[in-house]
PDBML (XML) file of the C-alpha atoms, coordinates in Angstrom:
<?xml version="1.0" encoding="UTF-8" ?>
<PDBx:datablock datablockName="MODEL"
   xmlns:PDBx="http://pdbml.pdb.org/schema/pdbx-v50.xsd"
   xmlns:xsi="http://www.w3.org/2001/XMLSchema-instance"
   xsi:schemaLocation="http://pdbml.pdb.org/schema/pdbx-v50.xsd pdbx-v50.xsd">
   <PDBx:atom_siteCategory>
      <PDBx:atom_site id="1">
         <PDBx:B_iso_or_equiv>0.00</PDBx:B_iso_or_equiv>
         <PDBx:Cartn_x>0.000</PDBx:Cartn_x>
         <PDBx:Cartn_y>0.000</PDBx:Cartn_y>
         <PDBx:Cartn_z>0.000</PDBx:Cartn_z>
         <PDBx:auth_asym_id>A</PDBx:auth_asym_id>
         <PDBx:auth_atom_id>CA</PDBx:auth_atom_id>
         <PDBx:auth_comp_id>LEU</PDBx:auth_comp_id>
         <PDBx:auth_seq_id>1</PDBx:auth_seq_id>
         <PDBx:group_PDB>ATOM</PDBx:group_PDB>
         <PDBx:label_alt_id xsi:nil="true" />
         <PDBx:label_asym_id>A</PDBx:label_asym_id>
         <PDBx:label_atom_id>CA</PDBx:label_atom_id>
         <PDBx:label_comp_id>LEU</PDBx:label_comp_id>
         <PDBx:label_entity_id>1</PDBx:label_entity_id>
         <PDBx:label_seq_id>1</PDBx:label_seq_id>
         <PDBx:occupancy>1.00</PDBx:occupancy>
         <PDBx:pdbx_PDB_model_num>1</PDBx:pdbx_PDB_model_num>
         <PDBx:type_symbol>C</PDBx:type_symbol>
      </PDBx:atom_site>
      <PDBx:atom_site id="2">
         <PDBx:B_iso_or_equiv>0.00</PDBx:B_iso_or_equiv>
         <PDBx:Cartn_x>2.670</PDBx:Cartn_x>
         <PDBx:Cartn_y>2.495</PDBx:Cartn_y>
         <PDBx:Cartn_z>1.018</PDBx:Cartn_z>
         <PDBx:auth_asym_id>A</PDBx:auth_asym_id>
         <PDBx:auth_atom_id>CA</PDBx:auth_atom_id>
         <PDBx:auth_comp_id>PHE</PDBx:auth_comp_id>
         <PDBx:auth_seq_id>2</PDBx:auth_seq_id>
         <PDBx:group_PDB>ATOM</PDBx:group_PDB>
         <PDBx:label_alt_id xsi:nil="true" />
         <PDBx:label_asym_id>A</PDBx:label_asym_id>
         <PDBx:label_atom_id>CA</PDBx:label_atom_id>
         <PDBx:label_comp_id>PHE</PDBx:label_comp_id>
         <PDBx:label_entity_id>1</PDBx:label_entity_id>
         <PDBx:label_seq_id>2</PDBx:label_seq_id>
         <PDBx:occupancy>1.00</PDBx:occupancy>
         <PDBx:pdbx_PDB_model_num>1</PDBx:pdbx_PDB_model_num>
         <PDBx:type_symbol>C</PDBx:type_symbol>
      </PDBx:atom_site>
      <PDBx:atom_site id="3">
         <PDBx:B_iso_or_equiv>0.00</PDBx:B_iso_or_equiv>
         <PDBx:Cartn_x>5.828</PDBx:Cartn_x>
         <PDBx:Cartn_y>1.184</PDBx:Cartn_y>
         <PDBx:Cartn_z>-0.685</PDBx:Cartn_z>
         <PDBx:auth_asym_id>A</PDBx:auth_asym_id>
         <PDBx:auth_atom_id>CA</PDBx:auth_atom_id>
         <PDBx:auth_comp_id>HIS</PDBx:auth_comp_id>
         <PDBx:auth_seq_id>3</PDBx:auth_seq_id>
         <PDBx:group_PDB>ATOM</PDBx:group_PDB>
         <PDBx:label_alt_id xsi:nil="true" />
         <PDBx:label_asym_id>A</PDBx:label_asym_id>
         <PDBx:label_atom_id>CA</PDBx:label_atom_id>
         <PDBx:label_comp_id>HIS</PDBx:label_comp_id>
         <PDBx:label_entity_id>1</PDBx:label_entity_id>
         <PDBx:label_seq_id>3</PDBx:label_seq_id>
         <PDBx:occupancy>1.00</PDBx:occupancy>
         <PDBx:pdbx_PDB_model_num>1</PDBx:pdbx_PDB_model_num>
         <PDBx:type_symbol>C</PDBx:type_symbol>
      </PDBx:atom_site>
      <PDBx:atom_site id="4">
         <PDBx:B_iso_or_equiv>0.00</PDBx:B_iso_or_equiv>
         <PDBx:Cartn_x>4.467</PDBx:Cartn_x>
         <PDBx:Cartn_y>-0.501</PDBx:Cartn_y>
         <PDBx:Cartn_z>-3.785</PDBx:Cartn_z>
         <PDBx:auth_asym_id>A</PDBx:auth_asym_id>
         <PDBx:auth_atom_id>CA</PDBx:auth_atom_id>
         <PDBx:auth_comp_id>GLY</PDBx:auth_comp_id>
         <PDBx:auth_seq_id>4</PDBx:auth_seq_id>
         <PDBx:group_PDB>ATOM</PDBx:group_PDB>
         <PDBx:label_alt_id xsi:nil="true" />
         <PDBx:label_asym_id>A</PDBx:label_asym_id>
         <PDBx:label_atom_id>CA</PDBx:label_atom_id>
         <PDBx:label_comp_id>GLY</PDBx:label_comp_id>
         <PDBx:label_entity_id>1</PDBx:label_entity_id>
         <PDBx:label_seq_id>4</PDBx:label_seq_id>
         <PDBx:occupancy>1.00</PDBx:occupancy>
         <PDBx:pdbx_PDB_model_num>1</PDBx:pdbx_PDB_model_num>
         <PDBx:type_symbol>C</PDBx:type_symbol>
      </PDBx:atom_site>
      <PDBx:atom_site id="5">
         <PDBx:B_iso_or_equiv>0.00</PDBx:B_iso_or_equiv>
         <PDBx:Cartn_x>7.207</PDBx:Cartn_x>
         <PDBx:Cartn_y>1.102</PDBx:Cartn_y>
         <PDBx:Cartn_z>-5.846</PDBx:Cartn_z>
         <PDBx:auth_asym_id>A</PDBx:auth_asym_id>
         <PDBx:auth_atom_id>CA</PDBx:auth_atom_id>
         <PDBx:auth_comp_id>ASP</PDBx:auth_comp_id>
         <PDBx:auth_seq_id>5</PDBx:auth_seq_id>
         <PDBx:group_PDB>ATOM</PDBx:group_PDB>
         <PDBx:label_alt_id xsi:nil="true" />
         <PDBx:label_asym_id>A</PDBx:label_asym_id>
         <PDBx:label_atom_id>CA</PDBx:label_atom_id>
         <PDBx:label_comp_id>ASP</PDBx:label_comp_id>
         <PDBx:label_entity_id>1</PDBx:label_entity_id>
         <PDBx:label_seq_id>5</PDBx:label_seq_id>
         <PDBx:occupancy>1.00</PDBx:occupancy>
         <PDBx:pdbx_PDB_model_num>1</PDBx:pdbx_PDB_model_num>
         <PDBx:type_symbol>C</PDBx:type_symbol>
      </PDBx:atom_site>
      <PDBx:atom_site id="6">
         <PDBx:B_iso_or_equiv>0.00</PDBx:B_iso_or_equiv>
         <PDBx:Cartn_x>9.725</PDBx:Cartn_x>
         <PDBx:Cartn_y>-1.130</PDBx:Cartn_y>
         <PDBx:Cartn_z>-4.024</PDBx:Cartn_z>
         <PDBx:auth_asym_id>A</PDBx:auth_asym_id>
         <PDBx:auth_atom_id>CA</PDBx:auth_atom_id>
         <PDBx:auth_comp_id>PHE</PDBx:auth_comp_id>
         <PDBx:auth_seq_id>6</PDBx:auth_seq_id>
         <PDBx:group_PDB>ATOM</PDBx:group_PDB>
         <PDBx:label_alt_id xsi:nil="true" />
         <PDBx:label_asym_id>A</PDBx:label_asym_id>
         <PDBx:label_atom_id>CA</PDBx:label_atom_id>
         <PDBx:label_comp_id>PHE</PDBx:label_comp_id>
         <PDBx:label_entity_id>1</PDBx:label_entity_id>
         <PDBx:label_seq_id>6</PDBx:label_seq_id>
         <PDBx:occupancy>1.00</PDBx:occupancy>
         <PDBx:pdbx_PDB_model_num>1</PDBx:pdbx_PDB_model_num>
         <PDBx:type_symbol>C</PDBx:type_symbol>
      </PDBx:atom_site>
      <PDBx:atom_site id="7">
         <PDBx:B_iso_or_equiv>0.00</PDBx:B_iso_or_equiv>
         <PDBx:Cartn_x>7.876</PDBx:Cartn_x>
         <PDBx:Cartn_y>-4.308</PDBx:Cartn_y>
         <PDBx:Cartn_z>-2.981</PDBx:Cartn_z>
         <PDBx:auth_asym_id>A</PDBx:auth_asym_id>
         <PDBx:auth_atom_id>CA</PDBx:auth_atom_id>
         <PDBx:auth_comp_id>TYR</PDBx:auth_comp_id>
         <PDBx:auth_seq_id>7</PDBx:auth_seq_id>
         <PDBx:group_PDB>ATOM</PDBx:group_PDB>
         <PDBx:label_alt_id xsi:nil="true" />
         <PDBx:label_asym_id>A</PDBx:label_asym_id>
         <PDBx:label_atom_id>CA</PDBx:label_atom_id>
         <PDBx:label_comp_id>TYR</PDBx:label_comp_id>
         <PDBx:label_entity_id>1</PDBx:label_entity_id>
         <PDBx:label_seq_id>7</PDBx:label_seq_id>
         <PDBx:occupancy>1.00</PDBx:occupancy>
         <PDBx:pdbx_PDB_model_num>1</PDBx:pdbx_PDB_model_num>
         <PDBx:type_symbol>C</PDBx:type_symbol>
      </PDBx:atom_site>
      <PDBx:atom_site id="8">
         <PDBx:B_iso_or_equiv>0.00</PDBx:B_iso_or_equiv>
         <PDBx:Cartn_x>6.387</PDBx:Cartn_x>
         <PDBx:Cartn_y>-6.177</PDBx:Cartn_y>
         <PDBx:Cartn_z>-5.952</PDBx:Cartn_z>
         <PDBx:auth_asym_id>A</PDBx:auth_asym_id>
         <PDBx:auth_atom_id>CA</PDBx:auth_atom_id>
         <PDBx:auth_comp_id>LYS</PDBx:auth_comp_id>
         <PDBx:auth_seq_id>8</PDBx:auth_seq_id>
         <PDBx:group_PDB>ATOM</PDBx:group_PDB>
         <PDBx:label_alt_id xsi:nil="true" />
         <PDBx:label_asym_id>A</PDBx:label_asym_id>
         <PDBx:label_atom_id>CA</PDBx:label_atom_id>
         <PDBx:label_comp_id>LYS</PDBx:label_comp_id>
         <PDBx:label_entity_id>1</PDBx:label_entity_id>
         <PDBx:label_seq_id>8</PDBx:label_seq_id>
         <PDBx:occupancy>1.00</PDBx:occupancy>
         <PDBx:pdbx_PDB_model_num>1</PDBx:pdbx_PDB_model_num>
         <PDBx:type_symbol>C</PDBx:type_symbol>
      </PDBx:atom_site>
      <PDBx:atom_site id="9">
         <PDBx:B_iso_or_equiv>0.00</PDBx:B_iso_or_equiv>
         <PDBx:Cartn_x>4.500</PDBx:Cartn_x>
         <PDBx:Cartn_y>-9.056</PDBx:Cartn_y>
         <PDBx:Cartn_z>-4.309</PDBx:Cartn_z>
         <PDBx:auth_asym_id>A</PDBx:auth_asym_id>
         <PDBx:auth_atom_id>CA</PDBx:auth_atom_id>
         <PDBx:auth_comp_id>ALA</PDBx:auth_comp_id>
         <PDBx:auth_seq_id>9</PDBx:auth_seq_id>
         <PDBx:group_PDB>ATOM</PDBx:group_PDB>
         <PDBx:label_alt_id xsi:nil="true" />
         <PDBx:label_asym_id>A</PDBx:label_asym_id>
         <PDBx:label_atom_id>CA</PDBx:label_atom_id>
         <PDBx:label_comp_id>ALA</PDBx:label_comp_id>
         <PDBx:label_entity_id>1</PDBx:label_entity_id>
         <PDBx:label_seq_id>9</PDBx:label_seq_id>
         <PDBx:occupancy>1.00</PDBx:occupancy>
         <PDBx:pdbx_PDB_model_num>1</PDBx:pdbx_PDB_model_num>
         <PDBx:type_symbol>C</PDBx:type_symbol>
      </PDBx:atom_site>
      <PDBx:atom_site id="10">
         <PDBx:B_iso_or_equiv>0.00</PDBx:B_iso_or_equiv>
         <PDBx:Cartn_x>3.342</PDBx:Cartn_x>
         <PDBx:Cartn_y>-10.058</PDBx:Cartn_y>
         <PDBx:Cartn_z>-0.828</PDBx:Cartn_z>
         <PDBx:auth_asym_id>A</PDBx:auth_asym_id>
         <PDBx:auth_atom_id>CA</PDBx:auth_atom_id>
         <PDBx:auth_comp_id>GLY</PDBx:auth_comp_id>
         <PDBx:auth_seq_id>10</PDBx:auth_seq_id>
         <PDBx:group_PDB>ATOM</PDBx:group_PDB>
         <PDBx:label_alt_id xsi:nil="true" />
         <PDBx:label_asym_id>A</PDBx:label_asym_id>
         <PDBx:label_atom_id>CA</PDBx:label_atom_id>
         <PDBx:label_comp_id>GLY</PDBx:label_comp_id>
         <PDBx:label_entity_id>1</PDBx:label_entity_id>
         <PDBx:label_seq_id>10</PDBx:label_seq_id>
         <PDBx:occupancy>1.00</PDBx:occupancy>
         <PDBx:pdbx_PDB_model_num>1</PDBx:pdbx_PDB_model_num>
         <PDBx:type_symbol>C</PDBx:type_symbol>
      </PDBx:atom_site>
      <PDBx:atom_site id="11">
         <PDBx:B_iso_or_equiv>0.00</PDBx:B_iso_or_equiv>
         <PDBx:Cartn_x>1.737</PDBx:Cartn_x>
         <PDBx:Cartn_y>-12.956</PDBx:Cartn_y>
         <PDBx:Cartn_z>1.041</PDBx:Cartn_z>
         <PDBx:auth_asym_id>A</PDBx:auth_asym_id>
         <PDBx:auth_atom_id>CA</PDBx:auth_atom_id>
         <PDBx:auth_comp_id>VAL</PDBx:auth_comp_id>
         <PDBx:auth_seq_id>11</PDBx:auth_seq_id>
         <PDBx:group_PDB>ATOM</PDBx:group_PDB>
         <PDBx:label_alt_id xsi:nil="true" />
         <PDBx:label_asym_id>A</PDBx:label_asym_id>
         <PDBx:label_atom_id>CA</PDBx:label_atom_id>
         <PDBx:label_comp_id>VAL</PDBx:label_comp_id>
         <PDBx:label_entity_id>1</PDBx:label_entity_id>
         <PDBx:label_seq_id>11</PDBx:label_seq_id>
         <PDBx:occupancy>1.00</PDBx:occupancy>
         <PDBx:pdbx_PDB_model_num>1</PDBx:pdbx_PDB_model_num>
         <PDBx:type_symbol>C</PDBx:type_symbol>
      </PDBx:atom_site>
      <PDBx:atom_site id="12">
         <PDBx:B_iso_or_equiv>0.00</PDBx:B_iso_or_equiv>
         <PDBx:Cartn_x>-0.207</PDBx:Cartn_x>
         <PDBx:Cartn_y>-11.626</PDBx:Cartn_y>
         <PDBx:Cartn_z>4.044</PDBx:Cartn_z>
         <PDBx:auth_asym_id>A</PDBx:auth_asym_id>
         <PDBx:auth_atom_id>CA</PDBx:auth_atom_id>
         <PDBx:auth_comp_id>ALA</PDBx:auth_comp_id>
         <PDBx:auth_seq_id>12</PDBx:auth_seq_id>
         <PDBx:group_PDB>ATOM</PDBx:group_PDB>
         <PDBx:label_alt_id xsi:nil="true" />
         <PDBx:label_asym_id>A</PDBx:label_asym_id>
         <PDBx:label_atom_id>CA</PDBx:label_atom_id>
         <PDBx:label_comp_id>ALA</PDBx:label_comp_id>
         <PDBx:label_entity_id>1</PDBx:label_entity_id>
         <PDBx:label_seq_id>12</PDBx:label_seq_id>
         <PDBx:occupancy>1.00</PDBx:occupancy>
         <PDBx:pdbx_PDB_model_num>1</PDBx:pdbx_PDB_model_num>
         <PDBx:type_symbol>C</PDBx:type_symbol>
      </PDBx:atom_site>
      <PDBx:atom_site id="13">
         <PDBx:B_iso_or_equiv>0.00</PDBx:B_iso_or_equiv>
         <PDBx:Cartn_x>-1.412</PDBx:Cartn_x>
         <PDBx:Cartn_y>-14.251</PDBx:Cartn_y>
         <PDBx:Cartn_z>6.522</PDBx:Cartn_z>
         <PDBx:auth_asym_id>A</PDBx:auth_asym_id>
         <PDBx:auth_atom_id>CA</PDBx:auth_atom_id>
         <PDBx:auth_comp_id>MET</PDBx:auth_comp_id>
         <PDBx:auth_seq_id>13</PDBx:auth_seq_id>
         <PDBx:group_PDB>ATOM</PDBx:group_PDB>
         <PDBx:label_alt_id xsi:nil="true" />
         <PDBx:label_asym_id>A</PDBx:label_asym_id>
         <PDBx:label_atom_id>CA</PDBx:label_atom_id>
         <PDBx:label_comp_id>MET</PDBx:label_comp_id>
         <PDBx:label_entity_id>1</PDBx:label_entity_id>
         <PDBx:label_seq_id>13</PDBx:label_seq_id>
         <PDBx:occupancy>1.00</PDBx:occupancy>
         <PDBx:pdbx_PDB_model_num>1</PDBx:pdbx_PDB_model_num>
         <PDBx:type_symbol>C</PDBx:type_symbol>
      </PDBx:atom_site>
      <PDBx:atom_site id="14">
         <PDBx:B_iso_or_equiv>0.00</PDBx:B_iso_or_equiv>
         <PDBx:Cartn_x>-3.962</PDBx:Cartn_x>
         <PDBx:Cartn_y>-13.702</PDBx:Cartn_y>
         <PDBx:Cartn_z>9.312</PDBx:Cartn_z>
         <PDBx:auth_asym_id>A</PDBx:auth_asym_id>
         <PDBx:auth_atom_id>CA</PDBx:auth_atom_id>
         <PDBx:auth_comp_id>ALA</PDBx:auth_comp_id>
         <PDBx:auth_seq_id>14</PDBx:auth_seq_id>
         <PDBx:group_PDB>ATOM</PDBx:group_PDB>
         <PDBx:label_alt_id xsi:nil="true" />
         <PDBx:label_asym_id>A</PDBx:label_asym_id>
         <PDBx:label_atom_id>CA</PDBx:label_atom_id>
         <PDBx:label_comp_id>ALA</PDBx:label_comp_id>
         <PDBx:label_entity_id>1</PDBx:label_entity_id>
         <PDBx:label_seq_id>14</PDBx:label_seq_id>
         <PDBx:occupancy>1.00</PDBx:occupancy>
         <PDBx:pdbx_PDB_model_num>1</PDBx:pdbx_PDB_model_num>
         <PDBx:type_symbol>C</PDBx:type_symbol>
      </PDBx:atom_site>
      <PDBx:atom_site id="15">
         <PDBx:B_iso_or_equiv>0.00</PDBx:B_iso_or_equiv>
         <PDBx:Cartn_x>-3.299</PDBx:Cartn_x>
         <PDBx:Cartn_y>-9.973</PDBx:Cartn_y>
         <PDBx:Cartn_z>9.348</PDBx:Cartn_z>
         <PDBx:auth_asym_id>A</PDBx:auth_asym_id>
         <PDBx:auth_atom_id>CA</PDBx:auth_atom_id>
         <PDBx:auth_comp_id>GLY</PDBx:auth_comp_id>
         <PDBx:auth_seq_id>15</PDBx:auth_seq_id>
         <PDBx:group_PDB>ATOM</PDBx:group_PDB>
         <PDBx:label_alt_id xsi:nil="true" />
         <PDBx:label_asym_id>A</PDBx:label_asym_id>
         <PDBx:label_atom_id>CA</PDBx:label_atom_id>
         <PDBx:label_comp_id>GLY</PDBx:label_comp_id>
         <PDBx:label_entity_id>1</PDBx:label_entity_id>
         <PDBx:label_seq_id>15</PDBx:label_seq_id>
         <PDBx:occupancy>1.00</PDBx:occupancy>
         <PDBx:pdbx_PDB_model_num>1</PDBx:pdbx_PDB_model_num>
         <PDBx:type_symbol>C</PDBx:type_symbol>
      </PDBx:atom_site>
      <PDBx:atom_site id="16">
         <PDBx:B_iso_or_equiv>0.00</PDBx:B_iso_or_equiv>
         <PDBx:Cartn_x>-4.769</PDBx:Cartn_x>
         <PDBx:Cartn_y>-7.365</PDBx:Cartn_y>
         <PDBx:Cartn_z>11.688</PDBx:Cartn_z>
         <PDBx:auth_asym_id>A</PDBx:auth_asym_id>
         <PDBx:auth_atom_id>CA</PDBx:auth_atom_id>
         <PDBx:auth_comp_id>CYS</PDBx:auth_comp_id>
         <PDBx:auth_seq_id>16</PDBx:auth_seq_id>
         <PDBx:group_PDB>ATOM</PDBx:group_PDB>
         <PDBx:label_alt_id xsi:nil="true" />
         <PDBx:label_asym_id>A</PDBx:label_asym_id>
         <PDBx:label_atom_id>CA</PDBx:label_atom_id>
         <PDBx:label_comp_id>CYS</PDBx:label_comp_id>
         <PDBx:label_entity_id>1</PDBx:label_entity_id>
         <PDBx:label_seq_id>16</PDBx:label_seq_id>
         <PDBx:occupancy>1.00</PDBx:occupancy>
         <PDBx:pdbx_PDB_model_num>1</PDBx:pdbx_PDB_model_num>
         <PDBx:type_symbol>C</PDBx:type_symbol>
      </PDBx:atom_site>
      <PDBx:atom_site id="17">
         <PDBx:B_iso_or_equiv>0.00</PDBx:B_iso_or_equiv>
         <PDBx:Cartn_x>-5.263</PDBx:Cartn_x>
         <PDBx:Cartn_y>-5.052</PDBx:Cartn_y>
         <PDBx:Cartn_z>8.715</PDBx:Cartn_z>
         <PDBx:auth_asym_id>A</PDBx:auth_asym_id>
         <PDBx:auth_atom_id>CA</PDBx:auth_atom_id>
         <PDBx:auth_comp_id>TYR</PDBx:auth_comp_id>
         <PDBx:auth_seq_id>17</PDBx:auth_seq_id>
         <PDBx:group_PDB>ATOM</PDBx:group_PDB>
         <PDBx:label_alt_id xsi:nil="true" />
         <PDBx:label_asym_id>A</PDBx:label_asym_id>
         <PDBx:label_atom_id>CA</PDBx:label_atom_id>
         <PDBx:label_comp_id>TYR</PDBx:label_comp_id>
         <PDBx:label_entity_id>1</PDBx:label_entity_id>
         <PDBx:label_seq_id>17</PDBx:label_seq_id>
         <PDBx:occupancy>1.00</PDBx:occupancy>
         <PDBx:pdbx_PDB_model_num>1</PDBx:pdbx_PDB_model_num>
         <PDBx:type_symbol>C</PDBx:type_symbol>
      </PDBx:atom_site>
      <PDBx:atom_site id="18">
         <PDBx:B_iso_or_equiv>0.00</PDBx:B_iso_or_equiv>
         <PDBx:Cartn_x>-7.429</PDBx:Cartn_x>
         <PDBx:Cartn_y>-2.514</PDBx:Cartn_y>
         <PDBx:Cartn_z>10.513</PDBx:Cartn_z>
         <PDBx:auth_asym_id>A</PDBx:auth_asym_id>
         <PDBx:auth_atom_id>CA</PDBx:auth_atom_id>
         <PDBx:auth_comp_id>ASP</PDBx:auth_comp_id>
         <PDBx:auth_seq_id>18</PDBx:auth_seq_id>
         <PDBx:group_PDB>ATOM</PDBx:group_PDB>
         <PDBx:label_alt_id xsi:nil="true" />
         <PDBx:label_asym_id>A</PDBx:label_asym_id>
         <PDBx:label_atom_id>CA</PDBx:label_atom_id>
         <PDBx:label_comp_id>ASP</PDBx:label_comp_id>
         <PDBx:label_entity_id>1</PDBx:label_entity_id>
         <PDBx:label_seq_id>18</PDBx:label_seq_id>
         <PDBx:occupancy>1.00</PDBx:occupancy>
         <PDBx:pdbx_PDB_model_num>1</PDBx:pdbx_PDB_model_num>
         <PDBx:type_symbol>C</PDBx:type_symbol>
      </PDBx:atom_site>
      <PDBx:atom_site id="19">
         <PDBx:B_iso_or_equiv>0.00</PDBx:B_iso_or_equiv>
         <PDBx:Cartn_x>-6.457</PDBx:Cartn_x>
         <PDBx:Cartn_y>-1.999</PDBx:Cartn_y>
         <PDBx:Cartn_z>14.128</PDBx:Cartn_z>
         <PDBx:auth_asym_id>A</PDBx:auth_asym_id>
         <PDBx:auth_atom_id>CA</PDBx:auth_atom_id>
         <PDBx:auth_comp_id>ASN</PDBx:auth_comp_id>
         <PDBx:auth_seq_id>19</PDBx:auth_seq_id>
         <PDBx:group_PDB>ATOM</PDBx:group_PDB>
         <PDBx:label_alt_id xsi:nil="true" />
         <PDBx:label_asym_id>A</PDBx:label_asym_id>
         <PDBx:label_atom_id>CA</PDBx:label_atom_id>
         <PDBx:label_comp_id>ASN</PDBx:label_comp_id>
         <PDBx:label_entity_id>1</PDBx:label_entity_id>
         <PDBx:label_seq_id>19</PDBx:label_seq_id>
         <PDBx:occupancy>1.00</PDBx:occupancy>
         <PDBx:pdbx_PDB_model_num>1</PDBx:pdbx_PDB_model_num>
         <PDBx:type_symbol>C</PDBx:type_symbol>
      </PDBx:atom_site>
      <PDBx:atom_site id="20">
         <PDBx:B_iso_or_equiv>0.00</PDBx:B_iso_or_equiv>
         <PDBx:Cartn_x>-9.999</PDBx:Cartn_x>
         <PDBx:Cartn_y>-0.983</PDBx:Cartn_y>
         <PDBx:Cartn_z>15.038</PDBx:Cartn_z>
         <PDBx:auth_asym_id>A</PDBx:auth_asym_id>
         <PDBx:auth_atom_id>CA</PDBx:auth_atom_id>
         <PDBx:auth_comp_id>ARG</PDBx:auth_comp_id>
         <PDBx:auth_seq_id>20</PDBx:auth_seq_id>
         <PDBx:group_PDB>ATOM</PDBx:group_PDB>
         <PDBx:label_alt_id xsi:nil="true" />
         <PDBx:label_asym_id>A</PDBx:label_asym_id>
         <PDBx:label_atom_id>CA</PDBx:label_atom_id>
         <PDBx:label_comp_id>ARG</PDBx:label_comp_id>
         <PDBx:label_entity_id>1</PDBx:label_entity_id>
         <PDBx:label_seq_id>20</PDBx:label_seq_id>
         <PDBx:occupancy>1.00</PDBx:occupancy>
         <PDBx:pdbx_PDB_model_num>1</PDBx:pdbx_PDB_model_num>
         <PDBx:type_symbol>C</PDBx:type_symbol>
      </PDBx:atom_site>
      <PDBx:atom_site id="21">
         <PDBx:B_iso_or_equiv>0.00</PDBx:B_iso_or_equiv>
         <PDBx:Cartn_x>-11.047</PDBx:Cartn_x>
         <PDBx:Cartn_y>-4.557</PDBx:Cartn_y>
         <PDBx:Cartn_z>14.219</PDBx:Cartn_z>
         <PDBx:auth_asym_id>A</PDBx:auth_asym_id>
         <PDBx:auth_atom_id>CA</PDBx:auth_atom_id>
         <PDBx:auth_comp_id>MET</PDBx:auth_comp_id>
         <PDBx:auth_seq_id>21</PDBx:auth_seq_id>
         <PDBx:group_PDB>ATOM</PDBx:group_PDB>
         <PDBx:label_alt_id xsi:nil="true" />
         <PDBx:label_asym_id>A</PDBx:label_asym_id>
         <PDBx:label_atom_id>CA</PDBx:label_atom_id>
         <PDBx:label_comp_id>MET</PDBx:label_comp_id>
         <PDBx:label_entity_id>1</PDBx:label_entity_id>
         <PDBx:label_seq_id>21</PDBx:label_seq_id>
         <PDBx:occupancy>1.00</PDBx:occupancy>
         <PDBx:pdbx_PDB_model_num>1</PDBx:pdbx_PDB_model_num>
         <PDBx:type_symbol>C</PDBx:type_symbol>
      </PDBx:atom_site>
      <PDBx:atom_site id="22">
         <PDBx:B_iso_or_equiv>0.00</PDBx:B_iso_or_equiv>
         <PDBx:Cartn_x>-8.340</PDBx:Cartn_x>
         <PDBx:Cartn_y>-6.228</PDBx:Cartn_y>
         <PDBx:Cartn_z>16.301</PDBx:Cartn_z>
         <PDBx:auth_asym_id>A</PDBx:auth_asym_id>
         <PDBx:auth_atom_id>CA</PDBx:auth_atom_id>
         <PDBx:auth_comp_id>ASP</PDBx:auth_comp_id>
         <PDBx:auth_seq_id>22</PDBx:auth_seq_id>
         <PDBx:group_PDB>ATOM</PDBx:group_PDB>
         <PDBx:label_alt_id xsi:nil="true" />
         <PDBx:label_asym_id>A</PDBx:label_asym_id>
         <PDBx:label_atom_id>CA</PDBx:label_atom_id>
         <PDBx:label_comp_id>ASP</PDBx:label_comp_id>
         <PDBx:label_entity_id>1</PDBx:label_entity_id>
         <PDBx:label_seq_id>22</PDBx:label_seq_id>
         <PDBx:occupancy>1.00</PDBx:occupancy>
         <PDBx:pdbx_PDB_model_num>1</PDBx:pdbx_PDB_model_num>
         <PDBx:type_symbol>C</PDBx:type_symbol>
      </PDBx:atom_site>
      <PDBx:atom_site id="23">
         <PDBx:B_iso_or_equiv>0.00</PDBx:B_iso_or_equiv>
         <PDBx:Cartn_x>-7.985</PDBx:Cartn_x>
         <PDBx:Cartn_y>-6.989</PDBx:Cartn_y>
         <PDBx:Cartn_z>20.005</PDBx:Cartn_z>
         <PDBx:auth_asym_id>A</PDBx:auth_asym_id>
         <PDBx:auth_atom_id>CA</PDBx:auth_atom_id>
         <PDBx:auth_comp_id>LYS</PDBx:auth_comp_id>
         <PDBx:auth_seq_id>23</PDBx:auth_seq_id>
         <PDBx:group_PDB>ATOM</PDBx:group_PDB>
         <PDBx:label_alt_id xsi:nil="true" />
         <PDBx:label_asym_id>A</PDBx:label_asym_id>
         <PDBx:label_atom_id>CA</PDBx:label_atom_id>
         <PDBx:label_comp_id>LYS</PDBx:label_comp_id>
         <PDBx:label_entity_id>1</PDBx:label_entity_id>
         <PDBx:label_seq_id>23</PDBx:label_seq_id>
         <PDBx:occupancy>1.00</PDBx:occupancy>
         <PDBx:pdbx_PDB_model_num>1</PDBx:pdbx_PDB_model_num>
         <PDBx:type_symbol>C</PDBx:type_symbol>
      </PDBx:atom_site>
      <PDBx:atom_site id="24">
         <PDBx:B_iso_or_equiv>0.00</PDBx:B_iso_or_equiv>
         <PDBx:Cartn_x>-8.074</PDBx:Cartn_x>
         <PDBx:Cartn_y>-4.087</PDBx:Cartn_y>
         <PDBx:Cartn_z>22.461</PDBx:Cartn_z>
         <PDBx:auth_asym_id>A</PDBx:auth_asym_id>
         <PDBx:auth_atom_id>CA</PDBx:auth_atom_id>
         <PDBx:auth_comp_id>ILE</PDBx:auth_comp_id>
         <PDBx:auth_seq_id>24</PDBx:auth_seq_id>
         <PDBx:group_PDB>ATOM</PDBx:group_PDB>
         <PDBx:label_alt_id xsi:nil="true" />
         <PDBx:label_asym_id>A</PDBx:label_asym_id>
         <PDBx:label_atom_id>CA</PDBx:label_atom_id>
         <PDBx:label_comp_id>ILE</PDBx:label_comp_id>
         <PDBx:label_entity_id>1</PDBx:label_entity_id>
         <PDBx:label_seq_id>24</PDBx:label_seq_id>
         <PDBx:occupancy>1.00</PDBx:occupancy>
         <PDBx:pdbx_PDB_model_num>1</PDBx:pdbx_PDB_model_num>
         <PDBx:type_symbol>C</PDBx:type_symbol>
      </PDBx:atom_site>
   </PDBx:atom_siteCategory>
</PDBx:datablock>
């Protein structure tokens, strides 16, 4: 999202992608 000019591919497993959705 923020460094797509450098990183070309990613495997994201079980991510807490929005911290409002994750544990307190």
